[in-house]
Amino acid sequence: MRANHEAKWVSVAGISEPVKVDRGQFLTGRFSLRKSLYPGERNCDPSPSTVWRKLETLKNMGNLLIETNSRFSIVTIVNFNLYNDAPQENEQTNEQPVNSRCTAGEQPVNTNKNYKNYKKFNKPTLEEVSDYCSERQNSVRPQAFIDYYESVGWAIGKKPMKDWKAAVRTWEQNDRAKASQPHAASLNRAPDPCPIVNPPRRPVE
C-alpha cells in the first residue's frame, strides 16, 4: 500500500475511462486493503471491515482524506508533500493509463512505482523567508525561523525537511492558534492571600 509520488492514470474493471490518482494518493478498497496488509490467509487476521475501520480512524484523526464510490476509494495522505520530496520541475507527469485491471472486489493498491529522482532540499536564505512571510502577511519571525531550524539541522522530528514553505505555514497556524486562546492566566489568577494594607493615619492633635 503506497501513495503515488506523481499523478497516474489507473484503469479499473467496469469503468470505461481510467481514474486519475494524484500525488500523495492511492486507490484501494476493503478487500484489497486487507490483502495488502495481511497477504497470508490466517484465522487470526482481522476482517476487511475491521481493517477499513482502522483506516477511517486515521481519517477522523485528520491524517487521511477518503473519497469513496461504489467501486473503489481514493485515499489522500494529508501533508504528504511536507514529509516527501517534491518532483523535479522538469519532470513530466505520465498521463498514460496504467495497464492493470482488477475485479470490483479486488481494487488495485500497489499499481504505481515510487520514484526517487526528486529535487534536493536547499536551505532558504533569510531574504527568501522574509519575502514569503511578507507575501502571506503572517507574524512568523524569519530570523527566529532560520535560527531554530539551523539548530536542529533543518529536520522535522527525526526526518529531514522537504519543504520549508510548508514549515512556515505550520508556524503561521500555530501562531494563530495561540492568538485565539483566551488569556486565562490573567483572568483566573488567584487573589493575594496576604494583601498589603496601609495602616490608618493618626489624627493630628
N, C-alpha and C. Protein backbone atom coordinates (compact mmCIF):
# COMPACT_ATOMS: atom_id res chain seq x y z
N MET A 1 0.85 -1.19 0.00
CA MET A 1 0.00 0.00 0.00
C MET A 1 0.88 1.23 0.00
N ARG A 2 1.05 1.85 -1.15
CA ARG A 2 1.93 3.00 -1.27
C ARG A 2 1.22 4.13 -1.99
N ALA A 3 1.50 5.33 -1.52
CA ALA A 3 0.92 6.50 -2.19
C ALA A 3 1.79 6.88 -3.38
N ASN A 4 1.16 7.51 -4.38
CA ASN A 4 1.89 7.94 -5.57
C ASN A 4 2.83 9.08 -5.25
N HIS A 5 3.98 9.07 -5.90
CA HIS A 5 4.88 10.21 -5.87
C HIS A 5 4.65 11.13 -7.07
N GLU A 6 3.81 10.72 -7.99
CA GLU A 6 3.41 11.58 -9.09
C GLU A 6 2.04 11.10 -9.56
N ALA A 7 1.31 11.96 -10.26
CA ALA A 7 -0.04 11.61 -10.72
C ALA A 7 0.02 10.46 -11.72
N LYS A 8 -0.95 9.56 -11.62
CA LYS A 8 -1.03 8.41 -12.51
C LYS A 8 -2.50 8.19 -12.90
N TRP A 9 -2.67 7.58 -14.06
CA TRP A 9 -3.99 7.15 -14.50
C TRP A 9 -4.08 5.64 -14.32
N VAL A 10 -5.13 5.18 -13.64
CA VAL A 10 -5.29 3.76 -13.32
C VAL A 10 -6.58 3.25 -13.96
N SER A 11 -6.47 2.14 -14.68
CA SER A 11 -7.64 1.51 -15.28
C SER A 11 -8.28 0.57 -14.27
N VAL A 12 -9.60 0.66 -14.15
CA VAL A 12 -10.36 -0.16 -13.21
C VAL A 12 -11.42 -0.91 -13.99
N ALA A 13 -11.55 -2.20 -13.72
CA ALA A 13 -12.55 -3.02 -14.41
C ALA A 13 -13.95 -2.48 -14.16
N GLY A 14 -14.73 -2.43 -15.23
CA GLY A 14 -16.10 -1.94 -15.11
C GLY A 14 -16.26 -0.46 -15.34
N ILE A 15 -15.14 0.24 -15.52
CA ILE A 15 -15.18 1.69 -15.76
C ILE A 15 -14.51 1.95 -17.11
N SER A 16 -15.21 2.67 -17.97
CA SER A 16 -14.71 2.87 -19.34
C SER A 16 -13.47 3.76 -19.39
N GLU A 17 -13.39 4.76 -18.52
CA GLU A 17 -12.27 5.68 -18.54
C GLU A 17 -11.36 5.44 -17.34
N PRO A 18 -10.06 5.63 -17.52
CA PRO A 18 -9.14 5.45 -16.39
C PRO A 18 -9.37 6.52 -15.31
N VAL A 19 -8.95 6.19 -14.11
CA VAL A 19 -9.12 7.07 -12.96
C VAL A 19 -7.78 7.74 -12.64
N LYS A 20 -7.80 9.05 -12.47
CA LYS A 20 -6.57 9.77 -12.13
C LYS A 20 -6.34 9.71 -10.62
N VAL A 21 -5.15 9.26 -10.24
CA VAL A 21 -4.75 9.19 -8.85
C VAL A 21 -3.57 10.15 -8.67
N ASP A 22 -3.76 11.22 -7.93
CA ASP A 22 -2.76 12.28 -7.83
C ASP A 22 -1.64 11.90 -6.86
N ARG A 23 -0.65 12.77 -6.84
CA ARG A 23 0.47 12.62 -5.90
C ARG A 23 -0.06 12.62 -4.47
N GLY A 24 0.45 11.70 -3.66
CA GLY A 24 0.00 11.60 -2.28
C GLY A 24 -1.28 10.81 -2.10
N GLN A 25 -1.75 10.14 -3.16
CA GLN A 25 -2.98 9.36 -3.11
C GLN A 25 -2.71 7.91 -3.49
N PHE A 26 -3.64 7.03 -3.13
CA PHE A 26 -3.61 5.67 -3.64
C PHE A 26 -5.04 5.14 -3.75
N LEU A 27 -5.21 4.21 -4.66
CA LEU A 27 -6.51 3.62 -4.95
C LEU A 27 -6.63 2.30 -4.20
N THR A 28 -7.76 2.08 -3.52
CA THR A 28 -7.89 0.88 -2.74
C THR A 28 -9.36 0.53 -2.52
N GLY A 29 -9.60 -0.53 -1.78
CA GLY A 29 -10.92 -0.99 -1.40
C GLY A 29 -10.80 -1.85 -0.16
N ARG A 30 -11.90 -2.27 0.40
CA ARG A 30 -11.86 -3.03 1.65
C ARG A 30 -11.03 -4.31 1.52
N PHE A 31 -11.33 -5.11 0.48
CA PHE A 31 -10.68 -6.40 0.34
C PHE A 31 -9.22 -6.27 -0.09
N SER A 32 -8.96 -5.35 -1.02
CA SER A 32 -7.57 -5.19 -1.48
C SER A 32 -6.70 -4.59 -0.39
N LEU A 33 -7.28 -3.73 0.45
CA LEU A 33 -6.52 -3.15 1.55
C LEU A 33 -6.12 -4.23 2.56
N ARG A 34 -7.07 -5.09 2.88
CA ARG A 34 -6.76 -6.18 3.81
C ARG A 34 -5.72 -7.12 3.22
N LYS A 35 -5.85 -7.42 1.93
CA LYS A 35 -4.92 -8.35 1.30
C LYS A 35 -3.51 -7.79 1.26
N SER A 36 -3.39 -6.47 1.07
CA SER A 36 -2.06 -5.86 1.01
C SER A 36 -1.40 -5.82 2.39
N LEU A 37 -2.21 -5.68 3.44
CA LEU A 37 -1.66 -5.63 4.80
C LEU A 37 -1.46 -7.01 5.41
N TYR A 38 -2.31 -7.96 5.01
CA TYR A 38 -2.24 -9.32 5.54
C TYR A 38 -2.25 -10.30 4.36
N PRO A 39 -1.12 -10.46 3.68
CA PRO A 39 -1.09 -11.29 2.46
C PRO A 39 -1.37 -12.76 2.73
N GLY A 40 -1.04 -13.26 3.91
CA GLY A 40 -1.29 -14.66 4.22
C GLY A 40 -2.66 -14.84 4.87
N GLU A 41 -3.39 -15.84 4.44
CA GLU A 41 -4.71 -16.10 5.00
C GLU A 41 -4.58 -16.86 6.31
N ARG A 42 -4.89 -16.16 7.41
CA ARG A 42 -4.86 -16.79 8.73
C ARG A 42 -6.15 -16.46 9.46
N ASN A 43 -6.56 -17.38 10.32
CA ASN A 43 -7.81 -17.19 11.03
C ASN A 43 -7.76 -15.99 11.98
N CYS A 44 -6.56 -15.66 12.44
CA CYS A 44 -6.43 -14.57 13.41
C CYS A 44 -6.39 -13.20 12.73
N ASP A 45 -6.30 -13.15 11.41
CA ASP A 45 -6.25 -11.87 10.71
C ASP A 45 -7.59 -11.14 10.83
N PRO A 46 -7.57 -9.82 10.95
CA PRO A 46 -8.82 -9.07 11.04
C PRO A 46 -9.60 -9.12 9.73
N SER A 47 -10.88 -8.88 9.83
CA SER A 47 -11.74 -8.90 8.65
C SER A 47 -11.53 -7.63 7.83
N PRO A 48 -11.95 -7.62 6.56
CA PRO A 48 -11.84 -6.40 5.75
C PRO A 48 -12.52 -5.20 6.39
N SER A 49 -13.67 -5.42 7.05
CA SER A 49 -14.38 -4.31 7.69
C SER A 49 -13.58 -3.75 8.85
N THR A 50 -12.90 -4.62 9.59
CA THR A 50 -12.08 -4.15 10.72
C THR A 50 -10.90 -3.32 10.22
N VAL A 51 -10.26 -3.79 9.15
CA VAL A 51 -9.13 -3.04 8.59
C VAL A 51 -9.60 -1.69 8.08
N TRP A 52 -10.76 -1.66 7.46
CA TRP A 52 -11.28 -0.40 6.92
C TRP A 52 -11.62 0.59 8.04
N ARG A 53 -12.12 0.06 9.16
CA ARG A 53 -12.43 0.95 10.29
C ARG A 53 -11.15 1.60 10.83
N LYS A 54 -10.05 0.86 10.78
CA LYS A 54 -8.77 1.45 11.21
C LYS A 54 -8.36 2.58 10.28
N LEU A 55 -8.63 2.40 8.99
CA LEU A 55 -8.32 3.46 8.02
C LEU A 55 -9.21 4.69 8.28
N GLU A 56 -10.46 4.45 8.61
CA GLU A 56 -11.36 5.55 8.92
C GLU A 56 -10.96 6.26 10.21
N THR A 57 -10.35 5.53 11.13
CA THR A 57 -9.84 6.17 12.35
C THR A 57 -8.76 7.18 12.01
N LEU A 58 -7.87 6.82 11.08
CA LEU A 58 -6.85 7.77 10.64
C LEU A 58 -7.48 8.97 9.96
N LYS A 59 -8.57 8.74 9.25
CA LYS A 59 -9.29 9.85 8.62
C LYS A 59 -9.86 10.78 9.68
N ASN A 60 -10.47 10.21 10.72
CA ASN A 60 -11.06 11.03 11.79
C ASN A 60 -10.01 11.80 12.56
N MET A 61 -8.78 11.28 12.59
CA MET A 61 -7.68 11.97 13.27
C MET A 61 -7.09 13.08 12.41
N GLY A 62 -7.55 13.20 11.15
CA GLY A 62 -7.05 14.24 10.27
C GLY A 62 -5.82 13.86 9.49
N ASN A 63 -5.45 12.57 9.50
CA ASN A 63 -4.26 12.13 8.77
C ASN A 63 -4.56 11.76 7.32
N LEU A 64 -5.82 11.41 7.02
CA LEU A 64 -6.20 10.96 5.69
C LEU A 64 -7.49 11.63 5.25
N LEU A 65 -7.67 11.65 3.93
CA LEU A 65 -8.95 12.00 3.32
C LEU A 65 -9.36 10.81 2.46
N ILE A 66 -10.64 10.44 2.51
CA ILE A 66 -11.11 9.27 1.77
C ILE A 66 -12.31 9.65 0.92
N GLU A 67 -12.20 9.42 -0.39
CA GLU A 67 -13.31 9.61 -1.32
C GLU A 67 -13.74 8.23 -1.81
N THR A 68 -15.00 7.88 -1.55
CA THR A 68 -15.48 6.53 -1.83
C THR A 68 -16.64 6.55 -2.80
N ASN A 69 -16.64 5.58 -3.73
CA ASN A 69 -17.81 5.35 -4.57
C ASN A 69 -18.13 3.86 -4.54
N SER A 70 -18.97 3.40 -5.44
CA SER A 70 -19.42 2.01 -5.40
C SER A 70 -18.36 1.01 -5.82
N ARG A 71 -17.26 1.46 -6.43
CA ARG A 71 -16.26 0.53 -6.95
C ARG A 71 -14.90 0.63 -6.26
N PHE A 72 -14.53 1.80 -5.80
CA PHE A 72 -13.21 1.95 -5.19
C PHE A 72 -13.21 3.19 -4.31
N SER A 73 -12.10 3.35 -3.61
CA SER A 73 -11.88 4.54 -2.77
C SER A 73 -10.53 5.13 -3.10
N ILE A 74 -10.45 6.45 -3.10
CA ILE A 74 -9.18 7.15 -3.27
C ILE A 74 -8.81 7.76 -1.92
N VAL A 75 -7.65 7.36 -1.41
CA VAL A 75 -7.18 7.82 -0.11
C VAL A 75 -6.08 8.85 -0.33
N THR A 76 -6.22 10.01 0.30
CA THR A 76 -5.23 11.08 0.21
C THR A 76 -4.51 11.22 1.55
N ILE A 77 -3.19 11.21 1.52
CA ILE A 77 -2.40 11.38 2.73
C ILE A 77 -2.20 12.88 2.98
N VAL A 78 -2.67 13.35 4.12
CA VAL A 78 -2.56 14.77 4.46
C VAL A 78 -1.09 15.12 4.72
N ASN A 79 -0.67 16.28 4.26
CA ASN A 79 0.71 16.76 4.44
C ASN A 79 1.74 15.82 3.80
N PHE A 80 1.35 15.16 2.72
CA PHE A 80 2.28 14.24 2.04
C PHE A 80 3.53 14.98 1.57
N ASN A 81 3.35 16.17 1.01
CA ASN A 81 4.49 16.92 0.48
C ASN A 81 5.43 17.41 1.57
N LEU A 82 4.91 17.52 2.81
CA LEU A 82 5.75 18.00 3.90
C LEU A 82 6.82 16.99 4.27
N TYR A 83 6.52 15.70 4.10
CA TYR A 83 7.44 14.65 4.52
C TYR A 83 8.03 13.87 3.34
N ASN A 84 7.75 14.30 2.12
CA ASN A 84 8.27 13.62 0.94
C ASN A 84 8.80 14.64 -0.04
N ASP A 85 9.86 14.27 -0.75
CA ASP A 85 10.46 15.16 -1.72
C ASP A 85 9.45 15.52 -2.80
N ALA A 86 9.49 16.76 -3.26
CA ALA A 86 8.65 17.18 -4.37
C ALA A 86 9.31 16.77 -5.68
N PRO A 87 8.54 16.48 -6.72
CA PRO A 87 9.14 16.10 -8.01
C PRO A 87 9.93 17.25 -8.61
N GLN A 88 10.90 16.92 -9.45
CA GLN A 88 11.65 17.96 -10.14
C GLN A 88 10.73 18.73 -11.05
N GLU A 89 11.07 20.02 -11.25
CA GLU A 89 10.21 20.89 -12.04
C GLU A 89 10.08 20.42 -13.48
N ASN A 90 11.18 19.83 -13.99
CA ASN A 90 11.15 19.41 -15.39
C ASN A 90 10.62 17.99 -15.56
N GLU A 91 10.20 17.39 -14.45
CA GLU A 91 9.67 16.03 -14.54
C GLU A 91 8.24 16.09 -15.05
N GLN A 92 7.94 15.39 -16.09
CA GLN A 92 6.62 15.41 -16.69
C GLN A 92 5.78 14.29 -16.14
N THR A 93 4.51 14.59 -15.92
CA THR A 93 3.59 13.60 -15.39
C THR A 93 3.21 12.61 -16.47
N ASN A 94 3.28 11.35 -16.13
CA ASN A 94 2.91 10.31 -17.07
C ASN A 94 1.40 10.24 -17.17
N GLU A 95 0.85 10.64 -18.29
CA GLU A 95 -0.59 10.70 -18.46
C GLU A 95 -1.15 9.45 -19.12
N GLN A 96 -0.34 8.39 -19.24
CA GLN A 96 -0.81 7.17 -19.87
C GLN A 96 -1.46 6.28 -18.82
N PRO A 97 -2.58 5.64 -19.14
CA PRO A 97 -3.22 4.75 -18.17
C PRO A 97 -2.31 3.60 -17.80
N VAL A 98 -2.34 3.24 -16.52
CA VAL A 98 -1.58 2.09 -16.08
C VAL A 98 -2.27 0.83 -16.58
N ASN A 99 -1.48 -0.06 -17.13
CA ASN A 99 -2.05 -1.25 -17.75
C ASN A 99 -2.27 -2.31 -16.69
N SER A 100 -3.25 -2.09 -15.84
CA SER A 100 -3.59 -3.07 -14.82
C SER A 100 -5.08 -3.00 -14.57
N ARG A 101 -5.73 -4.15 -14.63
CA ARG A 101 -7.16 -4.23 -14.37
C ARG A 101 -7.40 -5.26 -13.28
N CYS A 102 -8.48 -5.02 -12.55
CA CYS A 102 -8.82 -5.95 -11.49
C CYS A 102 -10.32 -5.96 -11.35
N THR A 103 -10.80 -6.91 -10.61
CA THR A 103 -12.24 -7.02 -10.41
C THR A 103 -12.70 -5.97 -9.43
N ALA A 104 -14.02 -5.79 -9.35
CA ALA A 104 -14.56 -4.78 -8.44
C ALA A 104 -14.24 -5.11 -7.00
N GLY A 105 -14.12 -6.41 -6.67
CA GLY A 105 -13.82 -6.80 -5.30
C GLY A 105 -12.36 -6.70 -4.95
N GLU A 106 -11.49 -6.63 -5.94
CA GLU A 106 -10.05 -6.57 -5.70
C GLU A 106 -9.48 -5.36 -6.42
N GLN A 107 -9.65 -4.19 -5.84
CA GLN A 107 -9.16 -2.96 -6.45
C GLN A 107 -7.65 -2.89 -6.36
N PRO A 108 -7.01 -2.20 -7.32
CA PRO A 108 -5.55 -2.12 -7.28
C PRO A 108 -5.08 -1.27 -6.12
N VAL A 109 -3.99 -1.70 -5.50
CA VAL A 109 -3.42 -0.95 -4.39
C VAL A 109 -2.03 -0.49 -4.74
N ASN A 110 -1.19 -1.42 -5.16
CA ASN A 110 0.21 -1.12 -5.39
C ASN A 110 0.51 -1.15 -6.88
N THR A 111 -0.24 -0.36 -7.67
CA THR A 111 -0.07 -0.40 -9.11
C THR A 111 0.96 0.59 -9.61
N ASN A 112 1.41 1.52 -8.77
CA ASN A 112 2.32 2.55 -9.23
C ASN A 112 3.67 2.43 -8.55
N LYS A 113 4.72 2.73 -9.31
CA LYS A 113 6.07 2.70 -8.77
C LYS A 113 6.37 4.03 -8.10
N ASN A 114 7.18 3.96 -7.05
CA ASN A 114 7.62 5.18 -6.38
C ASN A 114 8.91 5.65 -7.03
N TYR A 115 9.00 6.93 -7.25
CA TYR A 115 10.18 7.49 -7.91
C TYR A 115 11.00 8.27 -6.89
N LYS A 116 12.30 8.11 -7.00
CA LYS A 116 13.20 8.75 -6.03
C LYS A 116 14.07 9.84 -6.66
N ASN A 117 13.77 10.21 -7.88
CA ASN A 117 14.53 11.24 -8.58
C ASN A 117 13.99 12.61 -8.23
N TYR A 118 14.15 13.08 -7.03
CA TYR A 118 13.50 14.30 -6.63
C TYR A 118 14.52 15.42 -6.37
N LYS A 119 14.00 16.62 -6.35
CA LYS A 119 14.84 17.79 -6.16
C LYS A 119 15.41 17.82 -4.75
N LYS A 120 16.70 18.04 -4.64
CA LYS A 120 17.36 18.09 -3.34
C LYS A 120 16.92 19.33 -2.59
N PHE A 121 16.74 19.19 -1.27
CA PHE A 121 16.30 20.32 -0.45
C PHE A 121 17.43 21.32 -0.31
N ASN A 122 17.11 22.58 -0.54
CA ASN A 122 18.06 23.67 -0.35
C ASN A 122 17.57 24.58 0.76
N LYS A 123 18.46 24.86 1.70
CA LYS A 123 18.08 25.73 2.82
C LYS A 123 17.73 27.13 2.30
N PRO A 124 16.64 27.72 2.81
CA PRO A 124 16.28 29.07 2.36
C PRO A 124 17.17 30.12 3.00
N THR A 125 17.29 31.24 2.33
CA THR A 125 18.00 32.36 2.91
C THR A 125 17.04 33.18 3.76
N LEU A 126 17.59 34.06 4.57
CA LEU A 126 16.76 34.93 5.40
C LEU A 126 15.86 35.80 4.53
N GLU A 127 16.39 36.25 3.40
CA GLU A 127 15.60 37.08 2.50
C GLU A 127 14.43 36.30 1.91
N GLU A 128 14.65 35.04 1.55
CA GLU A 128 13.58 34.22 0.99
C GLU A 128 12.47 34.00 2.02
N VAL A 129 12.86 33.71 3.26
CA VAL A 129 11.85 33.50 4.31
C VAL A 129 11.10 34.80 4.59
N SER A 130 11.83 35.92 4.62
CA SER A 130 11.19 37.22 4.87
C SER A 130 10.19 37.56 3.77
N ASP A 131 10.58 37.32 2.52
CA ASP A 131 9.69 37.60 1.40
C ASP A 131 8.44 36.72 1.46
N TYR A 132 8.62 35.45 1.82
CA TYR A 132 7.46 34.54 1.86
C TYR A 132 6.53 34.92 3.01
N CYS A 133 7.09 35.30 4.16
CA CYS A 133 6.26 35.72 5.30
C CYS A 133 5.51 37.01 4.97
N SER A 134 6.19 37.92 4.26
CA SER A 134 5.52 39.16 3.85
C SER A 134 4.40 38.88 2.86
N GLU A 135 4.65 37.94 1.96
CA GLU A 135 3.63 37.57 0.98
C GLU A 135 2.38 37.00 1.66
N ARG A 136 2.58 36.21 2.71
CA ARG A 136 1.46 35.60 3.42
C ARG A 136 0.92 36.49 4.53
N GLN A 137 1.64 37.58 4.80
CA GLN A 137 1.20 38.55 5.82
C GLN A 137 0.97 37.87 7.17
N ASN A 138 1.94 37.05 7.58
CA ASN A 138 1.82 36.36 8.86
C ASN A 138 2.73 37.02 9.89
N SER A 139 2.71 36.48 11.09
CA SER A 139 3.51 37.03 12.19
C SER A 139 4.77 36.21 12.47
N VAL A 140 5.12 35.32 11.57
CA VAL A 140 6.31 34.49 11.76
C VAL A 140 7.56 35.37 11.66
N ARG A 141 8.45 35.23 12.60
CA ARG A 141 9.71 35.99 12.58
C ARG A 141 10.75 35.22 11.77
N PRO A 142 11.14 35.73 10.62
CA PRO A 142 12.05 34.99 9.74
C PRO A 142 13.36 34.60 10.41
N GLN A 143 13.96 35.51 11.19
CA GLN A 143 15.24 35.19 11.82
C GLN A 143 15.09 34.07 12.84
N ALA A 144 13.98 34.09 13.60
CA ALA A 144 13.73 33.03 14.57
C ALA A 144 13.51 31.69 13.86
N PHE A 145 12.82 31.75 12.73
CA PHE A 145 12.58 30.54 11.94
C PHE A 145 13.91 29.94 11.46
N ILE A 146 14.77 30.78 10.90
CA ILE A 146 16.08 30.32 10.41
C ILE A 146 16.91 29.77 11.56
N ASP A 147 16.97 30.51 12.67
CA ASP A 147 17.81 30.10 13.80
C ASP A 147 17.35 28.75 14.37
N TYR A 148 16.03 28.57 14.46
CA TYR A 148 15.53 27.32 15.04
C TYR A 148 15.92 26.12 14.18
N TYR A 149 15.65 26.20 12.88
CA TYR A 149 15.93 25.04 12.04
C TYR A 149 17.42 24.84 11.79
N GLU A 150 18.20 25.90 11.92
CA GLU A 150 19.65 25.71 11.87
C GLU A 150 20.10 24.90 13.09
N SER A 151 19.47 25.14 14.25
CA SER A 151 19.86 24.46 15.48
C SER A 151 19.48 22.98 15.47
N VAL A 152 18.46 22.61 14.70
CA VAL A 152 18.02 21.20 14.66
C VAL A 152 18.42 20.53 13.35
N GLY A 153 19.28 21.19 12.58
CA GLY A 153 19.76 20.57 11.34
C GLY A 153 18.72 20.50 10.25
N TRP A 154 17.80 21.46 10.22
CA TRP A 154 16.75 21.51 9.20
C TRP A 154 16.02 20.17 9.12
N ALA A 155 15.55 19.74 10.27
CA ALA A 155 14.80 18.49 10.38
C ALA A 155 13.48 18.76 11.07
N ILE A 156 12.49 17.93 10.76
CA ILE A 156 11.19 17.97 11.43
C ILE A 156 11.06 16.66 12.18
N GLY A 157 11.22 16.72 13.48
CA GLY A 157 11.29 15.49 14.25
C GLY A 157 12.60 14.79 13.92
N LYS A 158 12.50 13.55 13.42
CA LYS A 158 13.69 12.79 13.04
C LYS A 158 13.89 12.75 11.53
N LYS A 159 13.00 13.43 10.80
CA LYS A 159 13.08 13.39 9.34
C LYS A 159 13.60 14.71 8.79
N PRO A 160 14.42 14.67 7.74
CA PRO A 160 14.91 15.92 7.16
C PRO A 160 13.78 16.70 6.51
N MET A 161 13.90 18.00 6.56
CA MET A 161 12.86 18.85 5.98
C MET A 161 12.83 18.70 4.47
N LYS A 162 11.62 18.73 3.91
CA LYS A 162 11.43 18.62 2.46
C LYS A 162 10.94 19.92 1.85
N ASP A 163 10.15 20.69 2.61
CA ASP A 163 9.52 21.89 2.07
C ASP A 163 9.49 22.96 3.16
N TRP A 164 10.40 23.93 3.08
CA TRP A 164 10.47 24.93 4.13
C TRP A 164 9.26 25.86 4.14
N LYS A 165 8.63 26.06 2.98
CA LYS A 165 7.43 26.89 2.93
C LYS A 165 6.28 26.25 3.71
N ALA A 166 6.18 24.93 3.62
CA ALA A 166 5.17 24.23 4.41
C ALA A 166 5.44 24.39 5.90
N ALA A 167 6.72 24.41 6.29
CA ALA A 167 7.06 24.62 7.69
C ALA A 167 6.68 26.03 8.14
N VAL A 168 6.87 27.01 7.27
CA VAL A 168 6.44 28.39 7.59
C VAL A 168 4.95 28.43 7.82
N ARG A 169 4.19 27.75 6.96
CA ARG A 169 2.73 27.74 7.12
C ARG A 169 2.31 27.05 8.43
N THR A 170 3.08 26.04 8.84
CA THR A 170 2.78 25.39 10.12
C THR A 170 3.02 26.35 11.27
N TRP A 171 4.12 27.08 11.23
CA TRP A 171 4.38 28.10 12.26
C TRP A 171 3.26 29.13 12.27
N GLU A 172 2.83 29.51 11.09
CA GLU A 172 1.75 30.50 10.96
C GLU A 172 0.47 30.00 11.64
N GLN A 173 0.12 28.74 11.40
CA GLN A 173 -1.07 28.17 12.01
C GLN A 173 -0.93 28.09 13.52
N ASN A 174 0.26 27.74 14.01
CA ASN A 174 0.48 27.68 15.46
C ASN A 174 0.35 29.06 16.09
N ASP A 175 0.87 30.10 15.42
CA ASP A 175 0.75 31.46 15.95
C ASP A 175 -0.71 31.88 16.05
N ARG A 176 -1.49 31.53 15.02
CA ARG A 176 -2.91 31.88 15.05
C ARG A 176 -3.65 31.16 16.16
N ALA A 177 -3.28 29.88 16.38
CA ALA A 177 -3.92 29.11 17.43
C ALA A 177 -3.62 29.71 18.80
N LYS A 178 -2.37 30.13 19.02
CA LYS A 178 -2.01 30.75 20.29
C LYS A 178 -2.73 32.08 20.49
N ALA A 179 -2.86 32.84 19.39
CA ALA A 179 -3.51 34.15 19.50
C ALA A 179 -4.99 34.03 19.81
N SER A 180 -5.61 32.92 19.41
CA SER A 180 -7.05 32.75 19.62
C SER A 180 -7.38 32.23 21.01
N GLN A 181 -6.37 31.80 21.79
CA GLN A 181 -6.64 31.28 23.13
C GLN A 181 -6.93 32.42 24.08
N PRO A 182 -7.92 32.23 25.00
CA PRO A 182 -8.23 33.29 25.98
C PRO A 182 -7.09 33.47 26.97
N HIS A 183 -6.97 34.66 27.49
CA HIS A 183 -5.91 34.96 28.45
C HIS A 183 -6.34 34.46 29.83
N ALA A 184 -6.34 33.14 29.97
CA ALA A 184 -6.85 32.55 31.20
C ALA A 184 -5.97 32.86 32.39
N ALA A 185 -4.67 33.01 32.13
CA ALA A 185 -3.76 33.23 33.25
C ALA A 185 -4.07 34.52 33.98
N SER A 186 -4.39 35.59 33.24
CA SER A 186 -4.65 36.88 33.88
C SER A 186 -6.05 36.95 34.45
N LEU A 187 -7.00 36.21 33.85
CA LEU A 187 -8.39 36.29 34.32
C LEU A 187 -8.62 35.39 35.53
N ASN A 188 -7.92 34.28 35.61
CA ASN A 188 -8.17 33.31 36.66
C ASN A 188 -7.09 33.32 37.73
N ARG A 189 -6.32 34.37 37.83
CA ARG A 189 -5.25 34.42 38.81
C ARG A 189 -5.83 34.52 40.21
N ALA A 190 -5.33 33.71 41.12
CA ALA A 190 -5.85 33.69 42.48
C ALA A 190 -5.50 34.98 43.19
N PRO A 191 -6.38 35.46 44.10
CA PRO A 191 -6.09 36.70 44.83
C PRO A 191 -4.92 36.51 45.77
N ASP A 192 -4.24 37.59 46.11
CA ASP A 192 -3.10 37.56 47.02
C ASP A 192 -3.60 37.21 48.41
N PRO A 193 -3.09 36.09 49.01
CA PRO A 193 -3.58 35.71 50.34
C PRO A 193 -3.17 36.69 51.43
N CYS A 194 -2.13 37.47 51.17
CA CYS A 194 -1.66 38.42 52.19
C CYS A 194 -1.53 39.80 51.57
N PRO A 195 -2.62 40.46 51.30
CA PRO A 195 -2.53 41.79 50.67
C PRO A 195 -1.91 42.80 51.62
N ILE A 196 -1.20 43.75 51.06
CA ILE A 196 -0.57 44.81 51.85
C ILE A 196 -1.60 45.91 52.08
N VAL A 197 -1.88 46.18 53.32
CA VAL A 197 -2.86 47.21 53.67
C VAL A 197 -2.15 48.32 54.41
N ASN A 198 -2.29 49.54 53.95
CA ASN A 198 -1.65 50.67 54.63
C ASN A 198 -2.37 50.94 55.95
N PRO A 199 -1.65 51.10 57.06
CA PRO A 199 -2.30 51.37 58.36
C PRO A 199 -2.95 52.76 58.35
N PRO A 200 -4.02 52.94 59.11
CA PRO A 200 -4.68 54.26 59.16
C PRO A 200 -3.79 55.31 59.83
N ARG A 201 -3.88 56.50 59.33
CA ARG A 201 -3.08 57.59 59.89
C ARG A 201 -3.72 58.11 61.18
N ARG A 202 -2.83 58.45 62.13
CA ARG A 202 -3.33 59.03 63.38
C ARG A 202 -3.72 60.47 63.15
N PRO A 203 -4.81 60.87 63.72
CA PRO A 203 -5.22 62.29 63.54
C PRO A 203 -4.21 63.22 64.19
N VAL A 204 -4.04 64.34 63.59
CA VAL A 204 -3.12 65.36 64.12
C VAL A 204 -3.80 66.09 65.26
N GLU A 205 -3.13 66.12 66.45
CA GLU A 205 -3.72 66.80 67.59
C GLU A 205 -3.40 68.28 67.55
